[in-house]
Amino acid sequence: SPGANDNASGCAAVLEVARILAEQPVVPTVEFVFFGTEEVIDGNPDHHHFGSRVRVENMTAEERANTAGMLSVDMIAYGPDFHSRMMRRGPERMSDIVLATAAETGVHMTFKKDPGASGWSDHEAYELAGIPATWIEWRDDPVYHTARDTSDHCDPEKVRIAGQLVLDVLRSLDADTLESLVNR
């Protein structure tokens, strides 16, 4: 599919957040990563998330210990409902922070458990490694994974809301919060 919502929308928001943080740094060190090969291939439920899995597998013990959290920004341009999602197999603190920040800034967002046994976004490898992780998305998009997942289908305001939320979360992470995240 053309991939406008899944996941050019997330990439666009992350690039804008990176541009803003280059001019207005925040307390945490922020690593921006764009992963490839997220979708299930060959119909095999274990063949997916190759990029994020490789990244986590190649992290040193020190990098894992010092990674306070991960936000997967995936499919944020279409849908009536905004969610923080995780599998509930790892620390929930990052999802809690995202939801609290949304509430504080007037963004209507709810928690929705990731329905996949192995995770439906790149938060999966981080969460399973014990790193606080969450996936933010607008849901449901009836045209993702189809030829109709084009830019005219996307709502720029939803992308803006999601990107602003990510920026607000990063700005809220002070030294004490970061310490609590790494002391898991």
Protein backbone atom coordinates (compact mmCIF):
# COMPACT_ATOMS: atom_id res chain seq x y z
CA SER A 1 0.00 0.00 0.00
CA PRO A 2 1.12 3.62 -0.33
CA GLY A 3 1.44 3.79 3.46
CA ALA A 4 0.35 7.37 4.09
CA ASN A 5 -1.26 6.63 7.44
CA ASP A 6 0.68 3.40 8.06
CA ASN A 7 3.19 4.84 8.69
CA ALA A 8 4.24 7.99 6.87
CA SER A 9 2.04 9.82 9.37
CA GLY A 10 4.14 8.67 12.33
CA CYS A 11 7.37 9.39 10.47
CA ALA A 12 6.20 12.93 9.66
CA ALA A 13 5.34 13.65 13.29
CA VAL A 14 8.63 12.23 14.57
CA LEU A 15 10.61 14.31 12.06
CA GLU A 16 8.82 17.47 13.19
CA VAL A 17 9.44 16.64 16.86
CA ALA A 18 13.14 16.12 16.02
CA ARG A 19 13.26 19.49 14.24
CA ILE A 20 11.71 21.26 17.23
CA LEU A 21 13.98 19.53 19.76
CA ALA A 22 17.05 20.51 17.75
CA GLU A 23 16.10 24.13 18.49
CA GLN A 24 14.58 23.58 21.97
CA PRO A 25 16.35 20.66 23.69
CA VAL A 26 14.76 18.71 26.53
CA VAL A 27 16.23 17.02 29.62
CA PRO A 28 16.35 13.43 28.30
CA THR A 29 18.57 12.32 25.48
CA VAL A 30 16.14 11.45 22.70
CA GLU A 31 16.96 8.85 20.07
CA PHE A 32 14.86 9.03 16.92
CA VAL A 33 14.60 5.71 15.11
CA PHE A 34 12.63 4.74 12.03
CA PHE A 35 12.18 0.97 11.83
CA GLY A 36 11.58 -1.08 8.72
CA THR A 37 9.91 -4.44 8.22
CA GLU A 38 7.28 -4.10 10.92
CA GLU A 39 4.47 -5.98 9.20
CA VAL A 40 4.00 -9.76 9.30
CA ILE A 41 5.46 -11.36 6.19
CA ASP A 42 4.88 -14.78 4.66
CA GLY A 43 1.85 -15.26 6.92
CA ASN A 44 4.20 -16.38 9.69
CA PRO A 45 3.17 -14.74 12.99
CA ASP A 46 6.83 -14.67 14.10
CA HIS A 47 8.11 -12.84 10.99
CA HIS A 48 7.60 -9.19 11.86
CA HIS A 49 9.13 -6.22 13.65
CA PHE A 50 12.57 -7.07 12.29
CA GLY A 51 13.94 -3.53 12.62
CA SER A 52 12.89 -2.88 16.22
CA ARG A 53 13.80 -6.40 17.30
CA VAL A 54 17.31 -6.04 15.85
CA ARG A 55 17.72 -2.64 17.54
CA VAL A 56 16.79 -4.06 20.97
CA GLU A 57 18.84 -7.23 20.46
CA ASN A 58 21.91 -5.11 19.64
CA MET A 59 21.56 -2.79 22.63
CA THR A 60 24.24 -3.32 25.24
CA ALA A 61 23.18 -4.09 28.80
CA GLU A 62 24.11 -0.51 29.69
CA GLU A 63 21.99 0.92 26.86
CA ARG A 64 18.98 -1.16 27.95
CA ALA A 65 19.44 -0.12 31.57
CA ASN A 66 19.67 3.56 30.61
CA THR A 67 16.76 3.58 28.17
CA ALA A 68 13.98 5.26 30.12
CA GLY A 69 11.28 4.41 27.61
CA MET A 70 10.06 4.07 24.06
CA LEU A 71 7.19 5.74 22.22
CA SER A 72 6.06 4.11 18.98
CA VAL A 73 4.20 6.65 16.84
CA ASP A 74 2.28 4.51 14.38
CA MET A 75 -0.89 5.25 12.37
CA ILE A 76 -1.76 8.68 13.70
CA ALA A 77 -3.63 10.27 10.78
CA TYR A 78 -7.04 8.64 10.76
CA GLY A 79 -9.65 7.34 13.14
CA PRO A 80 -12.14 8.51 15.76
CA ASP A 81 -10.31 7.19 18.85
CA PHE A 82 -6.85 8.04 20.17
CA HIS A 83 -5.12 5.34 22.22
CA SER A 84 -2.01 4.51 24.15
CA ARG A 85 -1.46 0.79 23.59
CA MET A 86 0.75 -1.91 24.98
CA MET A 87 0.62 -5.64 25.49
CA ARG A 88 0.75 -5.38 29.30
CA ARG A 89 3.75 -7.70 29.36
CA GLY A 90 6.23 -5.02 30.44
CA PRO A 91 6.36 -1.90 32.60
CA GLU A 92 3.30 0.32 32.08
CA ARG A 93 4.91 3.57 33.26
CA MET A 94 5.43 5.09 29.78
CA SER A 95 1.81 4.49 28.86
CA ASP A 96 0.79 6.03 32.19
CA ILE A 97 2.91 9.12 31.45
CA VAL A 98 1.43 9.48 27.95
CA LEU A 99 -2.12 9.16 29.27
CA ALA A 100 -1.49 11.62 32.12
CA THR A 101 0.09 14.13 29.74
CA ALA A 102 -2.85 13.79 27.36
CA ALA A 103 -5.29 14.43 30.21
CA GLU A 104 -3.27 17.43 31.44
CA THR A 105 -3.24 18.99 27.97
CA GLY A 106 -6.89 18.35 27.16
CA VAL A 107 -6.32 15.55 24.64
CA HIS A 108 -8.93 12.80 24.83
CA MET A 109 -6.96 9.57 24.87
CA THR A 110 -7.68 6.17 26.35
CA PHE A 111 -5.71 3.01 27.02
CA LYS A 112 -6.41 0.06 24.77
CA LYS A 113 -4.57 -3.23 25.15
CA ASP A 114 -2.59 -4.26 22.10
CA PRO A 115 -4.59 -7.22 20.76
CA GLY A 116 -1.60 -9.00 19.27
CA ALA A 117 0.08 -11.82 21.15
CA SER A 118 3.38 -10.43 19.90
CA GLY A 119 2.48 -6.77 19.54
CA TRP A 120 1.12 -4.82 16.59
CA SER A 121 3.73 -2.07 16.56
CA ASP A 122 7.42 -1.52 17.25
CA HIS A 123 6.91 -1.08 20.99
CA GLU A 124 6.84 -4.90 21.16
CA ALA A 125 10.58 -5.63 21.38
CA TYR A 126 11.14 -2.84 23.92
CA GLU A 127 8.23 -3.91 26.09
CA LEU A 128 9.34 -7.55 26.06
CA ALA A 129 12.87 -6.41 27.04
CA GLY A 130 11.42 -4.74 30.15
CA ILE A 131 11.73 -1.17 28.84
CA PRO A 132 8.67 1.03 29.49
CA ALA A 133 7.09 1.33 26.05
CA THR A 134 3.83 2.33 24.46
CA TRP A 135 2.36 2.76 21.00
CA ILE A 136 0.17 5.75 20.23
CA GLU A 137 -2.37 5.57 17.41
CA TRP A 138 -5.69 6.81 16.16
CA ARG A 139 -8.00 3.86 15.53
CA ASP A 140 -9.68 2.44 13.30
CA ASP A 141 -8.55 2.93 9.74
CA PRO A 142 -10.51 0.80 7.26
CA VAL A 143 -8.08 1.47 4.39
CA TYR A 144 -4.68 0.76 5.94
CA HIS A 145 -2.78 -1.95 4.06
CA THR A 146 -4.74 -1.07 0.93
CA ALA A 147 -4.10 1.06 -2.15
CA ARG A 148 -6.38 3.72 -0.61
CA ASP A 149 -3.91 4.51 2.24
CA THR A 150 -2.99 7.78 0.54
CA SER A 151 -2.33 11.30 1.81
CA ASP A 152 -5.82 12.55 0.91
CA HIS A 153 -7.17 10.02 3.41
CA CYS A 154 -5.07 11.50 6.26
CA ASP A 155 -6.18 14.18 8.70
CA PRO A 156 -3.31 16.62 9.36
CA GLU A 157 -4.96 17.75 12.61
CA LYS A 158 -4.71 14.22 14.04
CA VAL A 159 -1.02 14.13 13.11
CA ARG A 160 -0.54 17.52 14.80
CA ILE A 161 -2.31 16.36 17.98
CA ALA A 162 -0.22 13.20 18.19
CA GLY A 163 3.04 15.01 17.46
CA GLN A 164 2.27 17.70 20.04
CA LEU A 165 1.51 14.99 22.60
CA VAL A 166 4.88 13.33 21.96
CA LEU A 167 6.58 16.71 22.34
CA ASP A 168 4.67 17.42 25.57
CA VAL A 169 5.63 14.00 26.96
CA LEU A 170 9.31 14.57 26.18
CA ARG A 171 9.19 18.03 27.76
CA SER A 172 7.60 16.56 30.90
CA LEU A 173 10.42 14.08 31.52
CA ASP A 174 12.49 15.69 34.25
CA ALA A 175 15.46 14.08 36.01
CA ASP A 176 13.31 12.52 38.75
CA THR A 177 10.87 10.97 36.27
CA LEU A 178 13.71 9.64 34.15
CA GLU A 179 15.34 8.10 37.21
CA SER A 180 12.06 6.41 38.15
CA LEU A 181 11.76 5.01 34.62
CA VAL A 182 15.25 3.48 34.58
CA ASN A 183 14.88 2.09 38.11
CA ARG A 184 12.44 -0.54 36.99
